[in-house]
Amino acid sequence: MKIVFFGSDAVSIPALLRFIERGIEVAAVVTNPDAPSGRGKRLKPTEPKRIGRGLGIEVLQPERLRKNLWLREKLKEYNADLFAVLAYGKIIPPSIFNIPSKGAINLHFSLLPALRGAAPVRWAILKGIRKTGATVFLIDKGMDTGPILSQMPLEIYDHENYGEAMNRIAQETADFFVDTAIRWAEGKIDPIPQEGEPSYAPKIDKVQAALSFEEPAEHLWRKIRAFNPDLKPWFPFRGGRLIVLRAGWRHGEGKAGEIIGKEGEKLLVGTGRGIIELHSVQLPGKKPVSGIAFANGARLKPGDYIY
């Protein structure tokens, strides 16, 4: 069996490596172009490119897929049985996904048709969904609308932030993806159309990471988990930002933004409903500290407000 692997995010690496470990020929890796990164804006390759090159696999980095005759002819040359797609970051057009005899299959981290879109795990955390799953489906013209080949259940745990959940799920679903690809290539799966009312999980950007103590504590706790570690959720504080890395919540009374008290290393702050526990926070340019260490350094005491 031969595949071409499409992936741009680091979460695609466990699946890429599992395909190789299980003796499936990966003819090429298709990934996004190198992108500026860091303060110096130096071009940084994607993790799939780095891994692929290290393993001697040819790497393609097209700027676009549509109306790309060179790419289409290049992909035909590999004579792959199917294309395996995970966190690639671009919509794959029919001119590409129709090339292999078995089409292109995608691993999506939700139980489709729930949470179609770019950020299913982030939105599951935001919505308080603990029981979720993964779906391998056959790519068609729509966004995550293709017929289902296989599904598996997954959980998201309260102690996990987005990054931790994604890393774990990527590991737990790698064999599932490979198994499904093999069974599909061998003709052992009958695709099933998606049924039920779809929901959506669009991409979230940094603008949405601004927090307000006027929100309910449970909603804030979900946002803090869903936006870490990459979006750095923050409260306004003395003209700057107080980034929150870890938090909890509890029922209780208190005015929004008011420091209710201290408990161990936790700083307890009132919200629109309930109390948010600030476990670990960070001021821009500083090291992460506990909620209590932050309050002591800022000379904040119970009855004071964070604003």
Foldseek 3Di string as FASTA:
>chain_A
DEEAEAAFAPLQVLLVVVCVVVPYHHQEYEAAFFWQDDPVRDTDGGPVVVVCVVVVHHYHHDNDQPPPVVVLVVVLVVQGQAYEYEHRPDQHACSRQVNHPLGYKYKDFFDPLEAFEDQRLLVCLLVVNFKTWIWIFHDDHDGPFGFTFDIDIDGDDLQAASVVVSNVVSNVCSVVSSVSVVCSSVVNTDTHGTDDDGDHDYDDALVVLEDWLQDAQSSVQSSLRSCPPPSFRFYDAPNFTKGANHKDWDFDDDDRQFFAADDDLWTWGHGNTGIMTRQWIDGPPGDIDGPVVVCVVVVHHGGDGGD
